[in-house]
Amino acid sequence: MEFYKDGNLVTNGFAIGDINYPKPTVATTGYYRDLGVLPVKEIPTIDHSTQKIVPIEAPYEEDGFWVVREAVDKTTDEKMIEIRGKRNQLLTDTDWTGLSDVTMSDD
């Protein structure tokens, strides 16, 4: 899980002055929240054929979570690139059938 504080990604740990003692054995989400560090809001399930996830230029806090990325619709060009890639893979998978030394059955 990612955590943000004041709009910035928090990596492994804090400066010693930022930690409240006694430090819990296992740092929980509540412990981080007490330090002003909030978890990143998860993106709901998307349809990968029509949508993509992109970072937000200016992360913001919403309902106790940081929003750092969002789901947006793919452009027509992006959709066509994916379709063309699938088509090319299907053609590559069957190219061997067109070789002159391959005898095809009626099946």
PDB file of N, CA and C in Angstrom:
ATOM      1  N   MET A   1       0.845  -1.170   0.000  1.00  0.00           N
ATOM      2  CA  MET A   1       0.000   0.000   0.000  1.00  0.00           C
ATOM      3  C   MET A   1       0.894   1.239   0.000  1.00  0.00           C
ATOM      4  N   GLU A   2       0.508   2.226  -0.780  1.00  0.00           N
ATOM      5  CA  GLU A   2       1.241   3.481  -0.830  1.00  0.00           C
ATOM      6  C   GLU A   2       0.672   4.443   0.204  1.00  0.00           C
ATOM      7  N   PHE A   3       1.535   5.308   0.720  1.00  0.00           N
ATOM      8  CA  PHE A   3       1.104   6.330   1.662  1.00  0.00           C
ATOM      9  C   PHE A   3       1.623   7.686   1.204  1.00  0.00           C
ATOM     10  N   TYR A   4       0.821   8.716   1.426  1.00  0.00           N
ATOM     11  CA  TYR A   4       1.196  10.086   1.083  1.00  0.00           C
ATOM     12  C   TYR A   4       1.059  10.974   2.312  1.00  0.00           C
ATOM     13  N   LYS A   5       1.937  11.974   2.391  1.00  0.00           N
ATOM     14  CA  LYS A   5       1.847  12.990   3.437  1.00  0.00           C
ATOM     15  C   LYS A   5       2.060  14.325   2.761  1.00  0.00           C
ATOM     16  N   ASP A   6       1.128  15.235   2.949  1.00  0.00           N
ATOM     17  CA  ASP A   6       1.210  16.576   2.357  1.00  0.00           C
ATOM     18  C   ASP A   6       1.428  16.522   0.841  1.00  0.00           C
ATOM     19  N   GLY A   7       0.802  15.543   0.181  1.00  0.00           N
ATOM     20  CA  GLY A   7       0.874  15.442  -1.271  1.00  0.00           C
ATOM     21  C   GLY A   7       2.124  14.773  -1.804  1.00  0.00           C
ATOM     22  N   ASN A   8       2.975  14.233  -0.930  1.00  0.00           N
ATOM     23  CA  ASN A   8       4.218  13.591  -1.368  1.00  0.00           C
ATOM     24  C   ASN A   8       4.239  12.130  -0.946  1.00  0.00           C
ATOM     25  N   LEU A   9       4.753  11.276  -1.829  1.00  0.00           N
ATOM     26  CA  LEU A   9       4.865   9.859  -1.540  1.00  0.00           C
ATOM     27  C   LEU A   9       5.815   9.656  -0.368  1.00  0.00           C
ATOM     28  N   VAL A  10       5.388   8.855   0.604  1.00  0.00           N
ATOM     29  CA  VAL A  10       6.226   8.532   1.751  1.00  0.00           C
ATOM     30  C   VAL A  10       6.879   7.198   1.462  1.00  0.00           C
ATOM     31  N   THR A  11       8.193   7.163   1.505  1.00  0.00           N
ATOM     32  CA  THR A  11       8.914   5.914   1.256  1.00  0.00           C
ATOM     33  C   THR A  11       9.171   5.220   2.585  1.00  0.00           C
ATOM     34  N   ASN A  12      10.144   4.353   2.632  1.00  0.00           N
ATOM     35  CA  ASN A  12      10.418   3.575   3.833  1.00  0.00           C
ATOM     36  C   ASN A  12      10.718   4.447   5.036  1.00  0.00           C
ATOM     37  N   GLY A  13       9.735   4.656   5.885  1.00  0.00           N
ATOM     38  CA  GLY A  13       9.959   5.291   7.167  1.00  0.00           C
ATOM     39  C   GLY A  13       9.973   6.795   7.170  1.00  0.00           C
ATOM     40  N   PHE A  14      10.285   7.334   8.340  1.00  0.00           N
ATOM     41  CA  PHE A  14      10.280   8.773   8.598  1.00  0.00           C
ATOM     42  C   PHE A  14      11.583   9.137   9.291  1.00  0.00           C
ATOM     43  N   ALA A  15      11.802  10.424   9.396  1.00  0.00           N
ATOM     44  CA  ALA A  15      12.910  10.887  10.215  1.00  0.00           C
ATOM     45  C   ALA A  15      12.596  10.553  11.668  1.00  0.00           C
ATOM     46  N   ILE A  16      13.625  10.315  12.476  1.00  0.00           N
ATOM     47  CA  ILE A  16      13.420   9.889  13.857  1.00  0.00           C
ATOM     48  C   ILE A  16      12.545  10.871  14.631  1.00  0.00           C
ATOM     49  N   GLY A  17      12.617  12.160  14.307  1.00  0.00           N
ATOM     50  CA  GLY A  17      11.805  13.140  14.999  1.00  0.00           C
ATOM     51  C   GLY A  17      10.329  13.050  14.664  1.00  0.00           C
ATOM     52  N   ASP A  18       9.992  12.384  13.575  1.00  0.00           N
ATOM     53  CA  ASP A  18       8.597  12.245  13.169  1.00  0.00           C
ATOM     54  C   ASP A  18       7.882  11.086  13.855  1.00  0.00           C
ATOM     55  N   ILE A  19       8.639  10.203  14.502  1.00  0.00           N
ATOM     56  CA  ILE A  19       8.049   8.997  15.075  1.00  0.00           C
ATOM     57  C   ILE A  19       7.635   9.250  16.520  1.00  0.00           C
ATOM     58  N   ASN A  20       6.403   8.866  16.843  1.00  0.00           N
ATOM     59  CA  ASN A  20       5.912   8.952  18.216  1.00  0.00           C
ATOM     60  C   ASN A  20       6.340   7.697  18.961  1.00  0.00           C
ATOM     61  N   TYR A  21       6.844   7.843  20.167  1.00  0.00           N
ATOM     62  CA  TYR A  21       7.216   6.691  20.973  1.00  0.00           C
ATOM     63  C   TYR A  21       6.172   6.487  22.053  1.00  0.00           C
ATOM     64  N   PRO A  22       5.855   5.288  22.497  1.00  0.00           N
ATOM     65  CA  PRO A  22       6.485   4.058  22.051  1.00  0.00           C
ATOM     66  C   PRO A  22       5.981   3.646  20.671  1.00  0.00           C
ATOM     67  N   LYS A  23       6.892   3.222  19.855  1.00  0.00           N
ATOM     68  CA  LYS A  23       6.576   2.806  18.487  1.00  0.00           C
ATOM     69  C   LYS A  23       5.912   1.427  18.543  1.00  0.00           C
ATOM     70  N   PRO A  24       4.792   1.241  17.830  1.00  0.00           N
ATOM     71  CA  PRO A  24       4.141  -0.073  17.851  1.00  0.00           C
ATOM     72  C   PRO A  24       5.011  -1.116  17.149  1.00  0.00           C
ATOM     73  N   THR A  25       4.819  -2.367  17.529  1.00  0.00           N
ATOM     74  CA  THR A  25       5.572  -3.453  16.918  1.00  0.00           C
ATOM     75  C   THR A  25       5.261  -3.542  15.426  1.00  0.00           C
ATOM     76  N   VAL A  26       3.988  -3.408  15.094  1.00  0.00           N
ATOM     77  CA  VAL A  26       3.568  -3.420  13.699  1.00  0.00           C
ATOM     78  C   VAL A  26       2.892  -2.084  13.418  1.00  0.00           C
ATOM     79  N   ALA A  27       3.432  -1.354  12.448  1.00  0.00           N
ATOM     80  CA  ALA A  27       2.838  -0.060  12.095  1.00  0.00           C
ATOM     81  C   ALA A  27       1.539  -0.308  11.342  1.00  0.00           C
ATOM     82  N   THR A  28       0.452   0.214  11.863  1.00  0.00           N
ATOM     83  CA  THR A  28      -0.854   0.036  11.246  1.00  0.00           C
ATOM     84  C   THR A  28      -1.237   1.301  10.490  1.00  0.00           C
ATOM     85  N   THR A  29      -2.281   1.193   9.681  1.00  0.00           N
ATOM     86  CA  THR A  29      -2.768   2.365   8.961  1.00  0.00           C
ATOM     87  C   THR A  29      -3.155   3.462   9.938  1.00  0.00           C
ATOM     88  N   GLY A  30      -3.768   3.087  11.083  1.00  0.00           N
ATOM     89  CA  GLY A  30      -4.135   4.070  12.097  1.00  0.00           C
ATOM     90  C   GLY A  30      -2.917   4.787  12.657  1.00  0.00           C
ATOM     91  N   TYR A  31      -1.832   4.054  12.857  1.00  0.00           N
ATOM     92  CA  TYR A  31      -0.592   4.642  13.361  1.00  0.00           C
ATOM     93  C   TYR A  31      -0.079   5.697  12.381  1.00  0.00           C
ATOM     94  N   TYR A  32      -0.067   5.363  11.099  1.00  0.00           N
ATOM     95  CA  TYR A  32       0.384   6.320  10.090  1.00  0.00           C
ATOM     96  C   TYR A  32      -0.549   7.527  10.015  1.00  0.00           C
ATOM     97  N   ARG A  33      -1.858   7.275  10.108  1.00  0.00           N
ATOM     98  CA  ARG A  33      -2.825   8.386  10.076  1.00  0.00           C
ATOM     99  C   ARG A  33      -2.545   9.376  11.206  1.00  0.00           C
ATOM    100  N   ASP A  34      -2.175   8.856  12.389  1.00  0.00           N
ATOM    101  CA  ASP A  34      -1.842   9.726  13.514  1.00  0.00           C
ATOM    102  C   ASP A  34      -0.648  10.623  13.198  1.00  0.00           C
ATOM    103  N   LEU A  35       0.218  10.179  12.284  1.00  0.00           N
ATOM    104  CA  LEU A  35       1.388  10.971  11.882  1.00  0.00           C
ATOM    105  C   LEU A  35       1.065  11.890  10.704  1.00  0.00           C
ATOM    106  N   GLY A  36      -0.192  11.879  10.260  1.00  0.00           N
ATOM    107  CA  GLY A  36      -0.584  12.716   9.125  1.00  0.00           C
ATOM    108  C   GLY A  36      -0.333  12.062   7.780  1.00  0.00           C
ATOM    109  N   VAL A  37      -0.029  10.767   7.801  1.00  0.00           N
ATOM    110  CA  VAL A  37       0.242  10.022   6.575  1.00  0.00           C
ATOM    111  C   VAL A  37      -1.015   9.242   6.216  1.00  0.00           C
ATOM    112  N   LEU A  38      -1.496   9.430   4.998  1.00  0.00           N
ATOM    113  CA  LEU A  38      -2.745   8.798   4.583  1.00  0.00           C
ATOM    114  C   LEU A  38      -2.504   7.799   3.453  1.00  0.00           C
ATOM    115  N   PRO A  39      -3.262   6.709   3.434  1.00  0.00           N
ATOM    116  CA  PRO A  39      -3.118   5.749   2.345  1.00  0.00           C
ATOM    117  C   PRO A  39      -3.671   6.311   1.037  1.00  0.00           C
ATOM    118  N   VAL A  40      -3.215   5.739  -0.056  1.00  0.00           N
ATOM    119  CA  VAL A  40      -3.676   6.144  -1.383  1.00  0.00           C
ATOM    120  C   VAL A  40      -5.004   5.461  -1.667  1.00  0.00           C
ATOM    121  N   LYS A  41      -5.937   6.220  -2.206  1.00  0.00           N
ATOM    122  CA  LYS A  41      -7.258   5.682  -2.559  1.00  0.00           C
ATOM    123  C   LYS A  41      -7.103   4.716  -3.726  1.00  0.00           C
ATOM    124  N   GLU A  42      -7.681   3.546  -3.565  1.00  0.00           N
ATOM    125  CA  GLU A  42      -7.620   2.539  -4.624  1.00  0.00           C
ATOM    126  C   GLU A  42      -8.565   2.919  -5.755  1.00  0.00           C
ATOM    127  N   ILE A  43      -8.169   2.585  -6.980  1.00  0.00           N
ATOM    128  CA  ILE A  43      -9.014   2.827  -8.156  1.00  0.00           C
ATOM    129  C   ILE A  43      -9.959   1.636  -8.286  1.00  0.00           C
ATOM    130  N   PRO A  44     -11.243   1.884  -8.514  1.00  0.00           N
ATOM    131  CA  PRO A  44     -12.150   0.750  -8.704  1.00  0.00           C
ATOM    132  C   PRO A  44     -11.768  -0.045  -9.954  1.00  0.00           C
ATOM    133  N   THR A  45     -12.283  -1.246 -10.052  1.00  0.00           N
ATOM    134  CA  THR A  45     -12.000  -2.092 -11.207  1.00  0.00           C
ATOM    135  C   THR A  45     -12.389  -1.362 -12.486  1.00  0.00           C
ATOM    136  N   ILE A  46     -11.500  -1.428 -13.475  1.00  0.00           N
ATOM    137  CA  ILE A  46     -11.764  -0.752 -14.743  1.00  0.00           C
ATOM    138  C   ILE A  46     -11.824  -1.766 -15.873  1.00  0.00           C
ATOM    139  N   ASP A  47     -12.371  -1.354 -16.988  1.00  0.00           N
ATOM    140  CA  ASP A  47     -12.384  -2.157 -18.211  1.00  0.00           C
ATOM    141  C   ASP A  47     -11.119  -1.784 -18.983  1.00  0.00           C
ATOM    142  N   HIS A  48     -10.112  -2.660 -18.947  1.00  0.00           N
ATOM    143  CA  HIS A  48      -8.812  -2.348 -19.546  1.00  0.00           C
ATOM    144  C   HIS A  48      -8.871  -2.166 -21.061  1.00  0.00           C
ATOM    145  N   SER A  49      -9.934  -2.650 -21.690  1.00  0.00           N
ATOM    146  CA  SER A  49     -10.026  -2.475 -23.142  1.00  0.00           C
ATOM    147  C   SER A  49     -10.461  -1.061 -23.513  1.00  0.00           C
ATOM    148  N   THR A  50     -11.111  -0.352 -22.595  1.00  0.00           N
ATOM    149  CA  THR A  50     -11.599   0.993 -22.916  1.00  0.00           C
ATOM    150  C   THR A  50     -11.060   2.078 -21.986  1.00  0.00           C
ATOM    151  N   GLN A  51     -10.438   1.689 -20.867  1.00  0.00           N
ATOM    152  CA  GLN A  51      -9.956   2.671 -19.909  1.00  0.00           C
ATOM    153  C   GLN A  51      -8.490   2.436 -19.569  1.00  0.00           C
ATOM    154  N   LYS A  52      -7.864   3.474 -19.007  1.00  0.00           N
ATOM    155  CA  LYS A  52      -6.499   3.366 -18.516  1.00  0.00           C
ATOM    156  C   LYS A  52      -6.376   4.179 -17.235  1.00  0.00           C
ATOM    157  N   ILE A  53      -5.336   3.909 -16.465  1.00  0.00           N
ATOM    158  CA  ILE A  53      -5.095   4.625 -15.217  1.00  0.00           C
ATOM    159  C   ILE A  53      -3.943   5.595 -15.446  1.00  0.00           C
ATOM    160  N   VAL A  54      -4.159   6.850 -15.072  1.00  0.00           N
ATOM    161  CA  VAL A  54      -3.136   7.877 -15.263  1.00  0.00           C
ATOM    162  C   VAL A  54      -2.906   8.619 -13.944  1.00  0.00           C
ATOM    163  N   PRO A  55      -1.666   9.109 -13.735  1.00  0.00           N
ATOM    164  CA  PRO A  55      -1.410   9.893 -12.520  1.00  0.00           C
ATOM    165  C   PRO A  55      -2.089  11.254 -12.589  1.00  0.00           C
ATOM    166  N   ILE A  56      -2.465  11.768 -11.433  1.00  0.00           N
ATOM    167  CA  ILE A  56      -3.056  13.100 -11.333  1.00  0.00           C
ATOM    168  C   ILE A  56      -1.915  14.095 -11.120  1.00  0.00           C
ATOM    169  N   GLU A  57      -1.958  15.214 -11.825  1.00  0.00           N
ATOM    170  CA  GLU A  57      -0.888  16.207 -11.714  1.00  0.00           C
ATOM    171  C   GLU A  57      -0.747  16.751 -10.299  1.00  0.00           C
ATOM    172  N   ALA A  58      -1.864  17.025  -9.654  1.00  0.00           N
ATOM    173  CA  ALA A  58      -1.840  17.568  -8.295  1.00  0.00           C
ATOM    174  C   ALA A  58      -2.647  16.658  -7.374  1.00  0.00           C
ATOM    175  N   PRO A  59      -1.982  15.710  -6.664  1.00  0.00           N
ATOM    176  CA  PRO A  59      -2.712  14.825  -5.756  1.00  0.00           C
ATOM    177  C   PRO A  59      -3.509  15.630  -4.741  1.00  0.00           C
ATOM    178  N   TYR A  60      -4.637  15.063  -4.312  1.00  0.00           N
ATOM    179  CA  TYR A  60      -5.478  15.748  -3.336  1.00  0.00           C
ATOM    180  C   TYR A  60      -6.045  14.741  -2.345  1.00  0.00           C
ATOM    181  N   GLU A  61      -6.445  15.252  -1.176  1.00  0.00           N
ATOM    182  CA  GLU A  61      -7.016  14.412  -0.130  1.00  0.00           C
ATOM    183  C   GLU A  61      -8.531  14.361  -0.278  1.00  0.00           C
ATOM    184  N   GLU A  62      -9.081  13.147  -0.123  1.00  0.00           N
ATOM    185  CA  GLU A  62     -10.524  12.966  -0.213  1.00  0.00           C
ATOM    186  C   GLU A  62     -10.935  11.836   0.726  1.00  0.00           C
ATOM    187  N   ASP A  63     -11.816  12.125   1.654  1.00  0.00           N
ATOM    188  CA  ASP A  63     -12.353  11.122   2.572  1.00  0.00           C
ATOM    189  C   ASP A  63     -11.268  10.340   3.318  1.00  0.00           C
ATOM    190  N   GLY A  64     -10.195  11.010   3.712  1.00  0.00           N
ATOM    191  CA  GLY A  64      -9.131  10.350   4.471  1.00  0.00           C
ATOM    192  C   GLY A  64      -8.165   9.547   3.632  1.00  0.00           C
ATOM    193  N   PHE A  65      -8.181   9.727   2.326  1.00  0.00           N
ATOM    194  CA  PHE A  65      -7.254   9.046   1.419  1.00  0.00           C
ATOM    195  C   PHE A  65      -6.643  10.079   0.477  1.00  0.00           C
ATOM    196  N   TRP A  66      -5.460   9.773  -0.046  1.00  0.00           N
ATOM    197  CA  TRP A  66      -4.873  10.611  -1.089  1.00  0.00           C
ATOM    198  C   TRP A  66      -5.264  10.046  -2.445  1.00  0.00           C
ATOM    199  N   VAL A  67      -5.720  10.909  -3.324  1.00  0.00           N
ATOM    200  CA  VAL A  67      -6.061  10.521  -4.689  1.00  0.00           C
ATOM    201  C   VAL A  67      -4.870  10.942  -5.558  1.00  0.00           C
ATOM    202  N   VAL A  68      -4.178   9.953  -6.134  1.00  0.00           N
ATOM    203  CA  VAL A  68      -2.968  10.243  -6.916  1.00  0.00           C
ATOM    204  C   VAL A  68      -3.067   9.762  -8.363  1.00  0.00           C
ATOM    205  N   ARG A  69      -4.115   8.983  -8.664  1.00  0.00           N
ATOM    206  CA  ARG A  69      -4.320   8.521 -10.043  1.00  0.00           C
ATOM    207  C   ARG A  69      -5.807   8.354 -10.284  1.00  0.00           C
ATOM    208  N   GLU A  70      -6.183   8.357 -11.542  1.00  0.00           N
ATOM    209  CA  GLU A  70      -7.595   8.218 -11.890  1.00  0.00           C
ATOM    210  C   GLU A  70      -7.748   7.373 -13.142  1.00  0.00           C
ATOM    211  N   ALA A  71      -8.947   6.861 -13.354  1.00  0.00           N
ATOM    212  CA  ALA A  71      -9.264   6.086 -14.548  1.00  0.00           C
ATOM    213  C   ALA A  71      -9.858   7.036 -15.583  1.00  0.00           C
ATOM    214  N   VAL A  72      -9.345   6.958 -16.810  1.00  0.00           N
ATOM    215  CA  VAL A  72      -9.863   7.775 -17.909  1.00  0.00           C
ATOM    216  C   VAL A  72     -10.084   6.873 -19.119  1.00  0.00           C
ATOM    217  N   ASP A  73     -10.926   7.331 -20.035  1.00  0.00           N
ATOM    218  CA  ASP A  73     -11.179   6.570 -21.258  1.00  0.00           C
ATOM    219  C   ASP A  73      -9.979   6.662 -22.192  1.00  0.00           C
ATOM    220  N   LYS A  74      -9.670   5.530 -22.844  1.00  0.00           N
ATOM    221  CA  LYS A  74      -8.596   5.515 -23.833  1.00  0.00           C
ATOM    222  C   LYS A  74      -9.052   6.250 -25.085  1.00  0.00           C
ATOM    223  N   THR A  75      -8.087   6.803 -25.808  1.00  0.00           N
ATOM    224  CA  THR A  75      -8.404   7.445 -27.077  1.00  0.00           C
ATOM    225  C   THR A  75      -8.645   6.367 -28.126  1.00  0.00           C
ATOM    226  N   THR A  76      -9.252   6.744 -29.220  1.00  0.00           N
ATOM    227  CA  THR A  76      -9.491   5.800 -30.320  1.00  0.00           C
ATOM    228  C   THR A  76      -8.168   5.253 -30.837  1.00  0.00           C
ATOM    229  N   ASP A  77      -7.144   6.100 -30.938  1.00  0.00           N
ATOM    230  CA  ASP A  77      -5.829   5.640 -31.403  1.00  0.00           C
ATOM    231  C   ASP A  77      -5.242   4.584 -30.472  1.00  0.00           C
ATOM    232  N   GLU A  78      -5.373   4.782 -29.165  1.00  0.00           N
ATOM    233  CA  GLU A  78      -4.853   3.799 -28.204  1.00  0.00           C
ATOM    234  C   GLU A  78      -5.592   2.474 -28.325  1.00  0.00           C
ATOM    235  N   LYS A  79      -6.905   2.529 -28.519  1.00  0.00           N
ATOM    236  CA  LYS A  79      -7.690   1.306 -28.693  1.00  0.00           C
ATOM    237  C   LYS A  79      -7.272   0.581 -29.968  1.00  0.00           C
ATOM    238  N   MET A  80      -7.056   1.329 -31.049  1.00  0.00           N
ATOM    239  CA  MET A  80      -6.676   0.724 -32.323  1.00  0.00           C
ATOM    240  C   MET A  80      -5.290   0.076 -32.246  1.00  0.00           C
ATOM    241  N   ILE A  81      -4.377   0.662 -31.503  1.00  0.00           N
ATOM    242  CA  ILE A  81      -3.038   0.080 -31.330  1.00  0.00           C
ATOM    243  C   ILE A  81      -3.150  -1.284 -30.659  1.00  0.00           C
ATOM    244  N   GLU A  82      -4.011  -1.388 -29.647  1.00  0.00           N
ATOM    245  CA  GLU A  82      -4.210  -2.676 -28.976  1.00  0.00           C
ATOM    246  C   GLU A  82      -4.839  -3.706 -29.904  1.00  0.00           C
ATOM    247  N   ILE A  83      -5.847  -3.291 -30.653  1.00  0.00           N
ATOM    248  CA  ILE A  83      -6.516  -4.203 -31.588  1.00  0.00           C
ATOM    249  C   ILE A  83      -5.530  -4.684 -32.646  1.00  0.00           C
ATOM    250  N   ARG A  84      -4.722  -3.756 -33.165  1.00  0.00           N
ATOM    251  CA  ARG A  84      -3.731  -4.115 -34.182  1.00  0.00           C
ATOM    252  C   ARG A  84      -2.699  -5.090 -33.611  1.00  0.00           C
ATOM    253  N   GLY A  85      -2.313  -4.887 -32.367  1.00  0.00           N
ATOM    254  CA  GLY A  85      -1.357  -5.790 -31.718  1.00  0.00           C
ATOM    255  C   GLY A  85      -1.922  -7.197 -31.576  1.00  0.00           C
ATOM    256  N   LYS A  86      -3.190  -7.303 -31.178  1.00  0.00           N
ATOM    257  CA  LYS A  86      -3.833  -8.621 -31.066  1.00  0.00           C
ATOM    258  C   LYS A  86      -3.925  -9.292 -32.428  1.00  0.00           C
ATOM    259  N   ARG A  87      -4.296  -8.513 -33.463  1.00  0.00           N
ATOM    260  CA  ARG A  87      -4.395  -9.030 -34.833  1.00  0.00           C
ATOM    261  C   ARG A  87      -3.051  -9.565 -35.305  1.00  0.00           C
ATOM    262  N   ASN A  88      -1.997  -8.772 -35.078  1.00  0.00           N
ATOM    263  CA  ASN A  88      -0.658  -9.185 -35.506  1.00  0.00           C
ATOM    264  C   ASN A  88      -0.218 -10.469 -34.802  1.00  0.00           C
ATOM    265  N   GLN A  89      -0.552 -10.598 -33.510  1.00  0.00           N
ATOM    266  CA  GLN A  89      -0.189 -11.811 -32.777  1.00  0.00           C
ATOM    267  C   GLN A  89      -0.930 -13.016 -33.329  1.00  0.00           C
ATOM    268  N   LEU A  90      -2.218 -12.872 -33.650  1.00  0.00           N
ATOM    269  CA  LEU A  90      -2.983 -13.976 -34.241  1.00  0.00           C
ATOM    270  C   LEU A  90      -2.397 -14.388 -35.590  1.00  0.00           C
ATOM    271  N   LEU A  91      -2.003 -13.422 -36.402  1.00  0.00           N
ATOM    272  CA  LEU A  91      -1.380 -13.741 -37.695  1.00  0.00           C
ATOM    273  C   LEU A  91      -0.044 -14.453 -37.494  1.00  0.00           C
ATOM    274  N   THR A  92       0.753 -13.987 -36.544  1.00  0.00           N
ATOM    275  CA  THR A  92       2.050 -14.615 -36.265  1.00  0.00           C
ATOM    276  C   THR A  92       1.850 -16.058 -35.811  1.00  0.00           C
ATOM    277  N   ASP A  93       0.832 -16.303 -35.006  1.00  0.00           N
ATOM    278  CA  ASP A  93       0.574 -17.651 -34.496  1.00  0.00           C
ATOM    279  C   ASP A  93       0.168 -18.627 -35.599  1.00  0.00           C
ATOM    280  N   THR A  94      -0.333 -18.134 -36.727  1.00  0.00           N
ATOM    281  CA  THR A  94      -0.785 -19.028 -37.803  1.00  0.00           C
ATOM    282  C   THR A  94       0.090 -18.952 -39.050  1.00  0.00           C
ATOM    283  N   ASP A  95       1.120 -18.132 -39.045  1.00  0.00           N
ATOM    284  CA  ASP A  95       1.980 -17.993 -40.231  1.00  0.00           C
ATOM    285  C   ASP A  95       2.611 -19.310 -40.676  1.00  0.00           C
ATOM    286  N   TRP A  96       2.916 -20.184 -39.735  1.00  0.00           N
ATOM    287  CA  TRP A  96       3.577 -21.438 -40.075  1.00  0.00           C
ATOM    288  C   TRP A  96       2.737 -22.281 -41.024  1.00  0.00           C
ATOM    289  N   THR A  97       1.412 -22.077 -41.021  1.00  0.00           N
ATOM    290  CA  THR A  97       0.548 -22.891 -41.875  1.00  0.00           C
ATOM    291  C   THR A  97       0.712 -22.544 -43.349  1.00  0.00           C
ATOM    292  N   GLY A  98       1.308 -21.420 -43.649  1.00  0.00           N
ATOM    293  CA  GLY A  98       1.479 -21.009 -45.034  1.00  0.00           C
ATOM    294  C   GLY A  98       2.813 -21.409 -45.641  1.00  0.00           C
ATOM    295  N   LEU A  99       3.658 -22.114 -44.898  1.00  0.00           N
ATOM    296  CA  LEU A  99       4.960 -22.537 -45.424  1.00  0.00           C
ATOM    297  C   LEU A  99       4.775 -23.613 -46.484  1.00  0.00           C
ATOM    298  N   SER A 100       5.661 -23.602 -47.472  1.00  0.00           N
ATOM    299  CA  SER A 100       5.516 -24.525 -48.607  1.00  0.00           C
ATOM    300  C   SER A 100       5.706 -25.984 -48.220  1.00  0.00           C
ATOM    301  N   ASP A 101       6.418 -26.287 -47.132  1.00  0.00           N
ATOM    302  CA  ASP A 101       6.640 -27.684 -46.746  1.00  0.00           C
ATOM    303  C   ASP A 101       5.634 -28.200 -45.727  1.00  0.00           C
ATOM    304  N   VAL A 102       4.554 -27.425 -45.476  1.00  0.00           N
ATOM    305  CA  VAL A 102       3.514 -27.844 -44.534  1.00  0.00           C
ATOM    306  C   VAL A 102       2.313 -28.334 -45.329  1.00  0.00           C
ATOM    307  N   THR A 103       1.929 -29.584 -45.054  1.00  0.00           N
ATOM    308  CA  THR A 103       0.756 -30.160 -45.701  1.00  0.00           C
ATOM    309  C   THR A 103      -0.406 -30.086 -44.723  1.00  0.00           C
ATOM    310  N   MET A 104      -1.430 -29.392 -45.108  1.00  0.00           N
ATOM    311  CA  MET A 104      -2.578 -29.195 -44.239  1.00  0.00           C
ATOM    312  C   MET A 104      -3.620 -30.283 -44.500  1.00  0.00           C
ATOM    313  N   SER A 105      -4.249 -30.766 -43.427  1.00  0.00           N
ATOM    314  CA  SER A 105      -5.330 -31.710 -43.586  1.00  0.00           C
ATOM    315  C   SER A 105      -6.619 -30.941 -43.881  1.00  0.00           C
ATOM    316  N   ASP A 106      -7.665 -31.646 -44.271  1.00  0.00           N
ATOM    317  CA  ASP A 106      -8.932 -31.006 -44.539  1.00  0.00           C
ATOM    318  C   ASP A 106      -9.566 -30.402 -43.290  1.00  0.00           C
ATOM    319  N   ASP A 107      -9.152 -30.916 -42.093  1.00  0.00           N
ATOM    320  CA  ASP A 107      -9.679 -30.388 -40.823  1.00  0.00           C
ATOM    321  C   ASP A 107      -9.187 -28.979 -40.626  1.00  0.00           C
TER     322      ASP A 107
END
